[in-house]
Amino acid sequence: MKVKQFKNKVLSSNSYALFLEEDNRVWIVDPGDYGPLIDWIKSKNKILKGILLTHAHADHVYGMHDLIKDFPKAKKYSSLLSVETLNSERLNGSLYMEMPFTIDSDDFVFLSEGDEVRLWDNYSLKVLETPGHNNDCLSFVIGSLLFTGDALIPQKKVHTRSKRGDKNAAENTISRIRSTFSPDTVIYPGHGEICTLLECFSA
């Protein structure tokens, strides 16, 4: 499996495309800027199989509407706790970014701790609940890769000042990640650079 990183204009968030060269199905983690995403998908002759949300803040979901218009059959995955945030311009933060929107979650597939999502025949994703930055935060494990969203950002303290943030939960999440995964686990964060778990905490 290969991973393509996209750096978005809104708050420099990251989006990721998960793909196999020999398969036409692609998965997107946290869709941001629509233009670069759709241009890349078309250039690779891919179709969007599904969208995976680490959490429902605006800077990680604002590309969803346009992507779903192009690929209405794509599945959408998030935590059940994301419903309230997706449906509120205030909670998802889009109101304060002067780009107010909500996202209809009626046809989402809701994920929780320990769930697995089959990406392709030989690749599955495992779900971890990693609250703290927001109550709906999920991280995704694929082999030695860990997609953390904003639950873990390299060399940064987790931002917990949003309405659904929790400092103690964030500290517990970080402790859990550090004790569960090996130092050479590759972290794909919601902001910042891809790095190993060891590098995330290096000065």
N, C-alpha and C. Protein backbone atom coordinates (compact mmCIF):
# COMPACT_ATOMS: atom_id res chain seq x y z
N MET A 1 0.83 -1.19 0.00
CA MET A 1 0.00 0.00 0.00
C MET A 1 0.87 1.24 0.00
N LYS A 2 0.44 2.25 -0.74
CA LYS A 2 1.14 3.53 -0.79
C LYS A 2 0.27 4.63 -0.20
N VAL A 3 0.95 5.69 0.27
CA VAL A 3 0.25 6.82 0.88
C VAL A 3 0.73 8.10 0.20
N LYS A 4 -0.22 8.92 -0.23
CA LYS A 4 0.07 10.23 -0.81
C LYS A 4 -0.41 11.30 0.16
N GLN A 5 0.48 12.19 0.56
CA GLN A 5 0.12 13.27 1.48
C GLN A 5 -0.25 14.52 0.70
N PHE A 6 -1.30 15.20 1.16
CA PHE A 6 -1.71 16.50 0.61
C PHE A 6 -1.70 17.51 1.75
N LYS A 7 -1.04 18.63 1.54
CA LYS A 7 -1.04 19.71 2.53
C LYS A 7 -2.09 20.73 2.12
N ASN A 8 -3.04 20.97 2.98
CA ASN A 8 -4.19 21.81 2.65
C ASN A 8 -3.98 23.27 3.01
N LYS A 9 -4.76 24.13 2.37
CA LYS A 9 -4.66 25.57 2.61
C LYS A 9 -5.25 25.97 3.95
N VAL A 10 -6.30 25.31 4.38
CA VAL A 10 -6.97 25.69 5.63
C VAL A 10 -6.20 25.11 6.81
N LEU A 11 -5.57 25.98 7.58
CA LEU A 11 -4.82 25.61 8.79
C LEU A 11 -3.74 24.57 8.54
N SER A 12 -3.27 24.48 7.30
CA SER A 12 -2.19 23.55 6.94
C SER A 12 -2.47 22.12 7.40
N SER A 13 -3.72 21.72 7.30
CA SER A 13 -4.07 20.34 7.67
C SER A 13 -3.56 19.38 6.59
N ASN A 14 -3.51 18.11 6.95
CA ASN A 14 -3.08 17.07 6.01
C ASN A 14 -4.25 16.19 5.59
N SER A 15 -4.27 15.85 4.32
CA SER A 15 -5.13 14.79 3.81
C SER A 15 -4.22 13.69 3.27
N TYR A 16 -4.74 12.47 3.25
CA TYR A 16 -3.95 11.34 2.76
C TYR A 16 -4.78 10.48 1.82
N ALA A 17 -4.14 10.06 0.74
CA ALA A 17 -4.74 9.09 -0.18
C ALA A 17 -4.05 7.75 0.04
N LEU A 18 -4.83 6.71 0.26
CA LEU A 18 -4.32 5.36 0.42
C LEU A 18 -4.64 4.60 -0.86
N PHE A 19 -3.62 3.96 -1.45
CA PHE A 19 -3.87 3.35 -2.75
C PHE A 19 -2.89 2.23 -3.04
N LEU A 20 -3.27 1.41 -3.99
CA LEU A 20 -2.41 0.40 -4.59
C LEU A 20 -2.25 0.74 -6.06
N GLU A 21 -1.06 0.61 -6.59
CA GLU A 21 -0.85 0.94 -8.00
C GLU A 21 -1.70 0.06 -8.90
N GLU A 22 -1.89 -1.22 -8.50
CA GLU A 22 -2.57 -2.18 -9.36
C GLU A 22 -4.09 -2.22 -9.17
N ASP A 23 -4.62 -1.35 -8.32
CA ASP A 23 -6.06 -1.35 -8.02
C ASP A 23 -6.61 0.05 -8.27
N ASN A 24 -7.82 0.15 -8.81
CA ASN A 24 -8.35 1.47 -9.14
C ASN A 24 -9.09 2.14 -7.99
N ARG A 25 -9.16 1.49 -6.84
CA ARG A 25 -9.88 2.05 -5.69
C ARG A 25 -8.92 2.80 -4.76
N VAL A 26 -9.33 3.99 -4.35
CA VAL A 26 -8.53 4.81 -3.45
C VAL A 26 -9.37 5.21 -2.25
N TRP A 27 -8.72 5.35 -1.11
CA TRP A 27 -9.34 5.82 0.12
C TRP A 27 -8.72 7.15 0.51
N ILE A 28 -9.55 8.07 1.02
CA ILE A 28 -9.06 9.36 1.46
C ILE A 28 -9.28 9.50 2.97
N VAL A 29 -8.21 9.88 3.66
CA VAL A 29 -8.30 10.20 5.08
C VAL A 29 -8.36 11.72 5.22
N ASP A 30 -9.42 12.24 5.84
CA ASP A 30 -9.58 13.67 6.15
C ASP A 30 -9.49 14.55 4.90
N PRO A 31 -10.54 14.59 4.09
CA PRO A 31 -10.49 15.36 2.84
C PRO A 31 -10.49 16.87 3.07
N GLY A 32 -9.46 17.53 2.56
CA GLY A 32 -9.35 18.98 2.64
C GLY A 32 -9.57 19.62 1.28
N ASP A 33 -8.49 20.21 0.70
CA ASP A 33 -8.62 20.91 -0.58
C ASP A 33 -9.11 19.96 -1.67
N TYR A 34 -10.24 20.30 -2.24
CA TYR A 34 -10.86 19.44 -3.25
C TYR A 34 -10.03 19.35 -4.53
N GLY A 35 -9.54 20.50 -5.01
CA GLY A 35 -8.85 20.54 -6.30
C GLY A 35 -7.70 19.56 -6.42
N PRO A 36 -6.71 19.63 -5.52
CA PRO A 36 -5.58 18.70 -5.60
C PRO A 36 -6.01 17.23 -5.45
N LEU A 37 -7.01 16.98 -4.61
CA LEU A 37 -7.47 15.61 -4.41
C LEU A 37 -8.09 15.04 -5.69
N ILE A 38 -9.01 15.79 -6.28
CA ILE A 38 -9.70 15.26 -7.46
C ILE A 38 -8.75 15.20 -8.66
N ASP A 39 -7.83 16.17 -8.76
CA ASP A 39 -6.86 16.13 -9.86
C ASP A 39 -5.99 14.89 -9.76
N TRP A 40 -5.56 14.56 -8.54
CA TRP A 40 -4.71 13.39 -8.36
C TRP A 40 -5.49 12.11 -8.64
N ILE A 41 -6.72 12.02 -8.13
CA ILE A 41 -7.55 10.83 -8.36
C ILE A 41 -7.75 10.59 -9.85
N LYS A 42 -8.06 11.65 -10.58
CA LYS A 42 -8.27 11.52 -12.02
C LYS A 42 -6.97 11.17 -12.75
N SER A 43 -5.86 11.76 -12.33
CA SER A 43 -4.59 11.49 -13.00
C SER A 43 -4.15 10.05 -12.84
N LYS A 44 -4.59 9.41 -11.76
CA LYS A 44 -4.25 8.02 -11.49
C LYS A 44 -5.33 7.05 -11.98
N ASN A 45 -6.37 7.59 -12.60
CA ASN A 45 -7.49 6.77 -13.08
C ASN A 45 -8.09 5.93 -11.95
N LYS A 46 -8.29 6.59 -10.81
CA LYS A 46 -8.84 5.91 -9.64
C LYS A 46 -10.30 6.31 -9.44
N ILE A 47 -10.98 5.53 -8.60
CA ILE A 47 -12.30 5.92 -8.10
C ILE A 47 -12.22 5.95 -6.59
N LEU A 48 -13.02 6.81 -5.99
CA LEU A 48 -13.01 6.94 -4.54
C LEU A 48 -13.86 5.85 -3.91
N LYS A 49 -13.22 4.97 -3.18
CA LYS A 49 -13.92 3.88 -2.50
C LYS A 49 -14.53 4.35 -1.18
N GLY A 50 -13.78 5.17 -0.43
CA GLY A 50 -14.30 5.60 0.86
C GLY A 50 -13.52 6.76 1.45
N ILE A 51 -14.17 7.44 2.40
CA ILE A 51 -13.58 8.55 3.13
C ILE A 51 -13.55 8.17 4.60
N LEU A 52 -12.40 8.35 5.22
CA LEU A 52 -12.19 8.02 6.62
C LEU A 52 -11.88 9.30 7.38
N LEU A 53 -12.67 9.61 8.40
CA LEU A 53 -12.47 10.83 9.17
C LEU A 53 -11.83 10.51 10.51
N THR A 54 -10.72 11.18 10.81
CA THR A 54 -10.14 11.04 12.15
C THR A 54 -10.96 11.83 13.17
N HIS A 55 -11.59 12.91 12.73
CA HIS A 55 -12.51 13.68 13.56
C HIS A 55 -13.21 14.69 12.66
N ALA A 56 -14.18 15.41 13.22
CA ALA A 56 -15.10 16.17 12.37
C ALA A 56 -14.85 17.67 12.34
N HIS A 57 -13.68 18.13 12.74
CA HIS A 57 -13.40 19.57 12.65
C HIS A 57 -13.28 20.00 11.20
N ALA A 58 -13.66 21.25 10.94
CA ALA A 58 -13.82 21.74 9.57
C ALA A 58 -12.57 21.58 8.72
N ASP A 59 -11.39 21.81 9.30
CA ASP A 59 -10.17 21.76 8.49
C ASP A 59 -9.81 20.35 8.06
N HIS A 60 -10.55 19.36 8.55
CA HIS A 60 -10.30 17.96 8.17
C HIS A 60 -11.44 17.35 7.34
N VAL A 61 -12.49 18.13 7.11
CA VAL A 61 -13.64 17.56 6.39
C VAL A 61 -14.19 18.47 5.29
N TYR A 62 -13.59 19.65 5.08
CA TYR A 62 -14.25 20.62 4.20
C TYR A 62 -14.25 20.22 2.73
N GLY A 63 -13.50 19.19 2.35
CA GLY A 63 -13.55 18.73 0.97
C GLY A 63 -14.60 17.66 0.70
N MET A 64 -15.33 17.26 1.74
CA MET A 64 -16.25 16.13 1.57
C MET A 64 -17.37 16.38 0.58
N HIS A 65 -18.00 17.55 0.68
CA HIS A 65 -19.16 17.81 -0.17
C HIS A 65 -18.83 17.62 -1.65
N ASP A 66 -17.73 18.22 -2.08
CA ASP A 66 -17.38 18.14 -3.50
C ASP A 66 -16.96 16.73 -3.91
N LEU A 67 -16.23 16.03 -3.04
CA LEU A 67 -15.82 14.67 -3.38
C LEU A 67 -17.03 13.75 -3.51
N ILE A 68 -17.98 13.90 -2.63
CA ILE A 68 -19.17 13.04 -2.67
C ILE A 68 -20.02 13.33 -3.91
N LYS A 69 -20.01 14.56 -4.37
CA LYS A 69 -20.72 14.87 -5.62
C LYS A 69 -20.12 14.07 -6.77
N ASP A 70 -18.80 13.95 -6.78
CA ASP A 70 -18.12 13.21 -7.85
C ASP A 70 -18.23 11.70 -7.67
N PHE A 71 -18.27 11.27 -6.40
CA PHE A 71 -18.29 9.83 -6.11
C PHE A 71 -19.40 9.53 -5.08
N PRO A 72 -20.65 9.61 -5.51
CA PRO A 72 -21.76 9.46 -4.57
C PRO A 72 -21.85 8.08 -3.91
N LYS A 73 -21.20 7.07 -4.48
CA LYS A 73 -21.24 5.73 -3.90
C LYS A 73 -20.14 5.49 -2.88
N ALA A 74 -19.26 6.47 -2.71
CA ALA A 74 -18.16 6.30 -1.75
C ALA A 74 -18.73 6.19 -0.33
N LYS A 75 -18.17 5.29 0.44
CA LYS A 75 -18.59 5.12 1.82
C LYS A 75 -17.90 6.16 2.70
N LYS A 76 -18.59 6.54 3.78
CA LYS A 76 -18.07 7.56 4.68
C LYS A 76 -18.02 6.98 6.09
N TYR A 77 -16.86 7.11 6.73
CA TYR A 77 -16.64 6.50 8.03
C TYR A 77 -16.21 7.56 9.05
N SER A 78 -16.77 7.46 10.25
CA SER A 78 -16.35 8.33 11.35
C SER A 78 -16.81 7.71 12.66
N SER A 79 -16.49 8.37 13.75
CA SER A 79 -17.03 7.99 15.05
C SER A 79 -18.48 8.43 15.16
N LEU A 80 -19.29 7.66 15.89
CA LEU A 80 -20.66 8.09 16.15
C LEU A 80 -20.69 9.43 16.86
N LEU A 81 -19.67 9.70 17.66
CA LEU A 81 -19.61 10.97 18.39
C LEU A 81 -19.37 12.16 17.47
N SER A 82 -19.04 11.90 16.21
CA SER A 82 -18.81 13.00 15.27
C SER A 82 -20.11 13.62 14.76
N VAL A 83 -21.22 12.93 14.95
CA VAL A 83 -22.49 13.39 14.39
C VAL A 83 -22.83 14.81 14.85
N GLU A 84 -22.71 15.04 16.14
CA GLU A 84 -23.04 16.36 16.68
C GLU A 84 -22.14 17.44 16.09
N THR A 85 -20.86 17.12 15.94
CA THR A 85 -19.92 18.10 15.40
C THR A 85 -20.16 18.33 13.91
N LEU A 86 -20.38 17.26 13.16
CA LEU A 86 -20.66 17.41 11.73
C LEU A 86 -21.89 18.28 11.47
N ASN A 87 -22.86 18.18 12.35
CA ASN A 87 -24.13 18.88 12.15
C ASN A 87 -24.19 20.27 12.78
N SER A 88 -23.05 20.78 13.25
CA SER A 88 -23.02 22.09 13.89
C SER A 88 -21.89 22.94 13.33
N GLU A 89 -22.22 24.09 12.77
CA GLU A 89 -21.21 25.01 12.25
C GLU A 89 -20.31 25.52 13.36
N ARG A 90 -20.85 25.60 14.57
CA ARG A 90 -20.05 26.08 15.70
C ARG A 90 -19.09 25.00 16.19
N LEU A 91 -19.61 23.78 16.38
CA LEU A 91 -18.77 22.72 16.91
C LEU A 91 -17.71 22.27 15.91
N ASN A 92 -18.04 22.27 14.62
CA ASN A 92 -17.00 21.86 13.65
C ASN A 92 -16.03 23.00 13.33
N GLY A 93 -16.36 24.21 13.77
CA GLY A 93 -15.46 25.34 13.63
C GLY A 93 -15.57 26.09 12.33
N SER A 94 -16.38 25.61 11.40
CA SER A 94 -16.45 26.27 10.09
C SER A 94 -17.03 27.68 10.19
N LEU A 95 -17.89 27.93 11.17
CA LEU A 95 -18.48 29.26 11.35
C LEU A 95 -17.40 30.29 11.63
N TYR A 96 -16.42 29.92 12.43
CA TYR A 96 -15.36 30.85 12.84
C TYR A 96 -14.29 30.99 11.76
N MET A 97 -14.31 30.11 10.77
CA MET A 97 -13.38 30.21 9.64
C MET A 97 -14.02 30.94 8.46
N GLU A 98 -15.22 31.44 8.69
CA GLU A 98 -15.98 32.16 7.66
C GLU A 98 -16.24 31.30 6.44
N MET A 99 -16.48 30.00 6.71
CA MET A 99 -16.85 29.06 5.65
C MET A 99 -17.89 28.10 6.22
N PRO A 100 -18.98 28.63 6.79
CA PRO A 100 -19.91 27.77 7.55
C PRO A 100 -20.52 26.66 6.70
N PHE A 101 -20.50 25.46 7.25
CA PHE A 101 -21.13 24.32 6.59
C PHE A 101 -21.42 23.25 7.62
N THR A 102 -22.33 22.37 7.26
CA THR A 102 -22.59 21.15 8.03
C THR A 102 -22.52 19.97 7.06
N ILE A 103 -22.43 18.78 7.61
CA ILE A 103 -22.36 17.57 6.79
C ILE A 103 -23.41 16.59 7.29
N ASP A 104 -24.25 16.12 6.38
CA ASP A 104 -25.29 15.15 6.71
C ASP A 104 -24.64 13.80 7.00
N SER A 105 -24.88 13.28 8.18
CA SER A 105 -24.23 12.04 8.59
C SER A 105 -25.15 10.83 8.52
N ASP A 106 -26.31 10.97 7.87
CA ASP A 106 -27.30 9.89 7.87
C ASP A 106 -26.78 8.59 7.27
N ASP A 107 -25.91 8.67 6.25
CA ASP A 107 -25.46 7.46 5.58
C ASP A 107 -24.01 7.10 5.93
N PHE A 108 -23.53 7.60 7.06
CA PHE A 108 -22.19 7.25 7.51
C PHE A 108 -22.15 5.85 8.11
N VAL A 109 -20.99 5.24 8.05
CA VAL A 109 -20.70 4.03 8.82
C VAL A 109 -19.93 4.48 10.05
N PHE A 110 -20.42 4.13 11.24
CA PHE A 110 -19.81 4.60 12.47
C PHE A 110 -18.87 3.55 13.04
N LEU A 111 -17.68 4.02 13.40
CA LEU A 111 -16.61 3.15 13.86
C LEU A 111 -16.34 3.37 15.34
N SER A 112 -15.87 2.31 15.98
CA SER A 112 -15.48 2.41 17.38
C SER A 112 -14.26 1.52 17.63
N GLU A 113 -13.77 1.56 18.85
CA GLU A 113 -12.55 0.85 19.23
C GLU A 113 -12.56 -0.62 18.77
N GLY A 114 -11.49 -1.00 18.08
CA GLY A 114 -11.33 -2.38 17.66
C GLY A 114 -11.98 -2.76 16.35
N ASP A 115 -12.79 -1.87 15.78
CA ASP A 115 -13.40 -2.17 14.48
C ASP A 115 -12.32 -2.27 13.41
N GLU A 116 -12.65 -3.02 12.36
CA GLU A 116 -11.75 -3.13 11.22
C GLU A 116 -12.50 -2.76 9.94
N VAL A 117 -11.79 -2.13 9.04
CA VAL A 117 -12.33 -1.77 7.73
C VAL A 117 -11.45 -2.43 6.67
N ARG A 118 -12.04 -3.24 5.82
CA ARG A 118 -11.30 -3.89 4.73
C ARG A 118 -11.10 -2.88 3.61
N LEU A 119 -9.86 -2.53 3.36
CA LEU A 119 -9.54 -1.57 2.31
C LEU A 119 -9.43 -2.26 0.96
N TRP A 120 -8.62 -3.32 0.92
CA TRP A 120 -8.48 -4.20 -0.24
C TRP A 120 -8.36 -5.61 0.29
N ASP A 121 -8.26 -6.59 -0.58
CA ASP A 121 -8.26 -7.98 -0.14
C ASP A 121 -7.21 -8.27 0.92
N ASN A 122 -6.03 -7.71 0.77
CA ASN A 122 -4.93 -8.03 1.69
C ASN A 122 -4.60 -6.90 2.67
N TYR A 123 -5.46 -5.90 2.75
CA TYR A 123 -5.19 -4.76 3.62
C TYR A 123 -6.44 -4.39 4.41
N SER A 124 -6.28 -4.32 5.70
CA SER A 124 -7.36 -3.87 6.57
C SER A 124 -6.85 -2.78 7.50
N LEU A 125 -7.75 -1.98 7.93
CA LEU A 125 -7.46 -0.88 8.85
C LEU A 125 -8.10 -1.17 10.19
N LYS A 126 -7.39 -0.95 11.28
CA LYS A 126 -7.93 -1.14 12.62
C LYS A 126 -8.16 0.21 13.27
N VAL A 127 -9.24 0.32 14.02
CA VAL A 127 -9.66 1.58 14.61
C VAL A 127 -9.28 1.67 16.08
N LEU A 128 -8.71 2.82 16.46
CA LEU A 128 -8.46 3.15 17.85
C LEU A 128 -9.25 4.40 18.21
N GLU A 129 -9.88 4.42 19.34
CA GLU A 129 -10.49 5.64 19.85
C GLU A 129 -9.41 6.42 20.59
N THR A 130 -9.16 7.66 20.13
CA THR A 130 -8.06 8.46 20.68
C THR A 130 -8.55 9.86 21.05
N PRO A 131 -9.47 9.97 22.01
CA PRO A 131 -10.05 11.26 22.37
C PRO A 131 -9.05 12.19 23.06
N GLY A 132 -9.43 13.44 23.13
CA GLY A 132 -8.61 14.45 23.78
C GLY A 132 -8.72 15.76 23.03
N HIS A 133 -8.20 15.77 21.81
CA HIS A 133 -8.36 16.96 20.97
C HIS A 133 -9.84 17.25 20.75
N ASN A 134 -10.59 16.21 20.50
CA ASN A 134 -12.06 16.27 20.42
C ASN A 134 -12.57 14.92 20.90
N ASN A 135 -13.83 14.86 21.28
CA ASN A 135 -14.33 13.59 21.84
C ASN A 135 -14.53 12.51 20.79
N ASP A 136 -14.53 12.89 19.50
CA ASP A 136 -14.80 11.92 18.43
C ASP A 136 -13.53 11.41 17.75
N CYS A 137 -12.36 11.74 18.27
CA CYS A 137 -11.11 11.43 17.57
C CYS A 137 -10.86 9.93 17.44
N LEU A 138 -10.55 9.52 16.23
CA LEU A 138 -10.14 8.15 15.93
C LEU A 138 -8.76 8.17 15.32
N SER A 139 -8.00 7.11 15.54
CA SER A 139 -6.76 6.89 14.82
C SER A 139 -6.88 5.56 14.07
N PHE A 140 -6.16 5.45 12.97
CA PHE A 140 -6.27 4.29 12.10
C PHE A 140 -4.91 3.59 11.97
N VAL A 141 -4.91 2.30 12.22
CA VAL A 141 -3.68 1.50 12.16
C VAL A 141 -3.72 0.60 10.93
N ILE A 142 -2.68 0.71 10.10
CA ILE A 142 -2.53 -0.19 8.96
C ILE A 142 -1.10 -0.71 9.00
N GLY A 143 -0.92 -1.92 9.50
CA GLY A 143 0.42 -2.46 9.65
C GLY A 143 1.24 -1.61 10.61
N SER A 144 2.36 -1.07 10.12
CA SER A 144 3.23 -0.23 10.94
C SER A 144 2.96 1.25 10.74
N LEU A 145 1.82 1.58 10.13
CA LEU A 145 1.43 2.97 9.89
C LEU A 145 0.30 3.36 10.84
N LEU A 146 0.37 4.60 11.37
CA LEU A 146 -0.65 5.08 12.29
C LEU A 146 -1.08 6.48 11.87
N PHE A 147 -2.35 6.61 11.50
CA PHE A 147 -2.93 7.89 11.11
C PHE A 147 -3.63 8.48 12.33
N THR A 148 -3.09 9.58 12.87
CA THR A 148 -3.52 10.07 14.18
C THR A 148 -4.43 11.29 14.13
N GLY A 149 -4.62 11.89 12.97
CA GLY A 149 -5.39 13.13 12.96
C GLY A 149 -4.74 14.13 13.90
N ASP A 150 -5.55 14.77 14.76
CA ASP A 150 -5.01 15.75 15.71
C ASP A 150 -4.81 15.16 17.10
N ALA A 151 -4.95 13.85 17.23
CA ALA A 151 -4.70 13.21 18.52
C ALA A 151 -3.23 13.20 18.86
N LEU A 152 -2.38 13.25 17.85
CA LEU A 152 -0.94 13.30 18.03
C LEU A 152 -0.35 14.07 16.86
N ILE A 153 0.28 15.20 17.16
CA ILE A 153 0.94 16.02 16.15
C ILE A 153 2.41 16.13 16.54
N PRO A 154 3.33 15.86 15.64
CA PRO A 154 4.75 15.83 15.99
C PRO A 154 5.22 17.09 16.71
N GLN A 155 5.84 16.88 17.88
CA GLN A 155 6.48 17.93 18.65
C GLN A 155 5.54 19.09 19.01
N LYS A 156 4.26 18.80 19.11
CA LYS A 156 3.26 19.80 19.50
C LYS A 156 2.39 19.25 20.63
N LYS A 157 1.97 20.13 21.52
CA LYS A 157 0.99 19.73 22.52
C LYS A 157 -0.37 19.61 21.85
N VAL A 158 -1.15 18.65 22.26
CA VAL A 158 -2.48 18.46 21.68
C VAL A 158 -3.37 19.64 22.07
N HIS A 159 -4.01 20.21 21.07
CA HIS A 159 -4.93 21.32 21.32
C HIS A 159 -6.24 20.77 21.89
N THR A 160 -6.59 21.22 23.09
CA THR A 160 -7.79 20.68 23.76
C THR A 160 -8.77 21.78 24.15
N ARG A 161 -8.64 22.96 23.55
CA ARG A 161 -9.48 24.08 23.98
C ARG A 161 -10.80 24.19 23.22
N SER A 162 -11.04 23.26 22.30
CA SER A 162 -12.35 23.25 21.66
C SER A 162 -13.39 22.74 22.65
N LYS A 163 -14.65 22.94 22.35
CA LYS A 163 -15.72 22.63 23.30
C LYS A 163 -15.74 21.17 23.70
N ARG A 164 -15.34 20.27 22.82
CA ARG A 164 -15.35 18.85 23.11
C ARG A 164 -13.94 18.31 23.39
N GLY A 165 -13.00 19.22 23.67
CA GLY A 165 -11.65 18.81 24.02
C GLY A 165 -11.53 18.42 25.48
N ASP A 166 -10.52 17.64 25.81
CA ASP A 166 -10.33 17.16 27.18
C ASP A 166 -8.83 16.92 27.40
N LYS A 167 -8.21 17.74 28.24
CA LYS A 167 -6.77 17.66 28.46
C LYS A 167 -6.36 16.30 29.04
N ASN A 168 -7.10 15.81 30.01
CA ASN A 168 -6.75 14.52 30.62
C ASN A 168 -6.87 13.38 29.63
N ALA A 169 -7.93 13.42 28.81
CA ALA A 169 -8.11 12.39 27.79
C ALA A 169 -6.97 12.44 26.78
N ALA A 170 -6.54 13.66 26.42
CA ALA A 170 -5.44 13.81 25.47
C ALA A 170 -4.16 13.21 26.03
N GLU A 171 -3.88 13.45 27.29
CA GLU A 171 -2.68 12.90 27.92
C GLU A 171 -2.74 11.37 27.96
N ASN A 172 -3.93 10.85 28.25
CA ASN A 172 -4.09 9.39 28.27
C ASN A 172 -3.90 8.78 26.89
N THR A 173 -4.40 9.48 25.88
CA THR A 173 -4.23 9.01 24.50
C THR A 173 -2.76 8.96 24.10
N ILE A 174 -2.03 10.03 24.41
CA ILE A 174 -0.60 10.06 24.08
C ILE A 174 0.14 8.95 24.80
N SER A 175 -0.17 8.75 26.08
CA SER A 175 0.48 7.69 26.85
C SER A 175 0.19 6.32 26.25
N ARG A 176 -1.05 6.14 25.83
CA ARG A 176 -1.43 4.86 25.24
C ARG A 176 -0.69 4.61 23.94
N ILE A 177 -0.61 5.62 23.09
CA ILE A 177 0.09 5.46 21.81
C ILE A 177 1.56 5.13 22.05
N ARG A 178 2.18 5.84 22.98
CA ARG A 178 3.62 5.64 23.23
C ARG A 178 3.91 4.27 23.82
N SER A 179 2.96 3.75 24.60
CA SER A 179 3.19 2.45 25.23
C SER A 179 2.78 1.28 24.33
N THR A 180 1.95 1.55 23.35
CA THR A 180 1.42 0.48 22.49
C THR A 180 2.25 0.25 21.24
N PHE A 181 2.78 1.33 20.67
CA PHE A 181 3.43 1.24 19.36
C PHE A 181 4.94 1.37 19.48
N SER A 182 5.63 0.72 18.57
CA SER A 182 7.08 0.76 18.58
C SER A 182 7.60 2.12 18.11
N PRO A 183 8.82 2.50 18.52
CA PRO A 183 9.35 3.81 18.14
C PRO A 183 9.45 4.03 16.63
N ASP A 184 9.55 2.95 15.85
CA ASP A 184 9.68 3.12 14.40
C ASP A 184 8.34 3.10 13.67
N THR A 185 7.23 3.09 14.42
CA THR A 185 5.90 3.24 13.81
C THR A 185 5.85 4.56 13.07
N VAL A 186 5.33 4.56 11.84
CA VAL A 186 5.28 5.79 11.04
C VAL A 186 3.97 6.51 11.34
N ILE A 187 4.09 7.76 11.77
CA ILE A 187 2.93 8.58 12.15
C ILE A 187 2.54 9.49 10.99
N TYR A 188 1.27 9.43 10.63
CA TYR A 188 0.69 10.32 9.62
C TYR A 188 -0.27 11.26 10.36
N PRO A 189 0.20 12.45 10.74
CA PRO A 189 -0.59 13.34 11.60
C PRO A 189 -1.54 14.23 10.81
N GLY A 190 -2.46 14.86 11.53
CA GLY A 190 -3.41 15.77 10.90
C GLY A 190 -2.80 17.09 10.49
N HIS A 191 -1.65 17.43 11.09
CA HIS A 191 -0.88 18.62 10.74
C HIS A 191 0.59 18.26 10.89
N GLY A 192 1.45 18.94 10.16
CA GLY A 192 2.88 18.69 10.30
C GLY A 192 3.38 17.59 9.38
N GLU A 193 4.60 17.15 9.67
CA GLU A 193 5.29 16.22 8.78
C GLU A 193 5.13 14.77 9.22
N ILE A 194 5.16 13.88 8.24
CA ILE A 194 5.18 12.45 8.52
C ILE A 194 6.50 12.12 9.23
N CYS A 195 6.43 11.31 10.27
CA CYS A 195 7.64 10.98 11.01
C CYS A 195 7.44 9.67 11.76
N THR A 196 8.49 9.18 12.38
CA THR A 196 8.35 8.02 13.24
C THR A 196 7.82 8.47 14.60
N LEU A 197 7.31 7.52 15.36
CA LEU A 197 6.83 7.84 16.70
C LEU A 197 7.96 8.41 17.54
N LEU A 198 9.16 7.86 17.42
CA LEU A 198 10.30 8.39 18.15
C LEU A 198 10.56 9.84 17.80
N GLU A 199 10.51 10.17 16.51
CA GLU A 199 10.76 11.54 16.07
C GLU A 199 9.70 12.52 16.54
N CYS A 200 8.49 12.01 16.77
CA CYS A 200 7.41 12.89 17.24
C CYS A 200 7.75 13.57 18.56
N PHE A 201 8.56 12.89 19.36
CA PHE A 201 8.85 13.40 20.70
C PHE A 201 10.32 13.80 20.86
N SER A 202 11.04 13.87 19.74
CA SER A 202 12.44 14.30 19.78
C SER A 202 12.51 15.81 19.77
N ALA A 203 13.48 16.34 20.49
CA ALA A 203 13.63 17.79 20.57
C ALA A 203 14.16 18.33 19.25
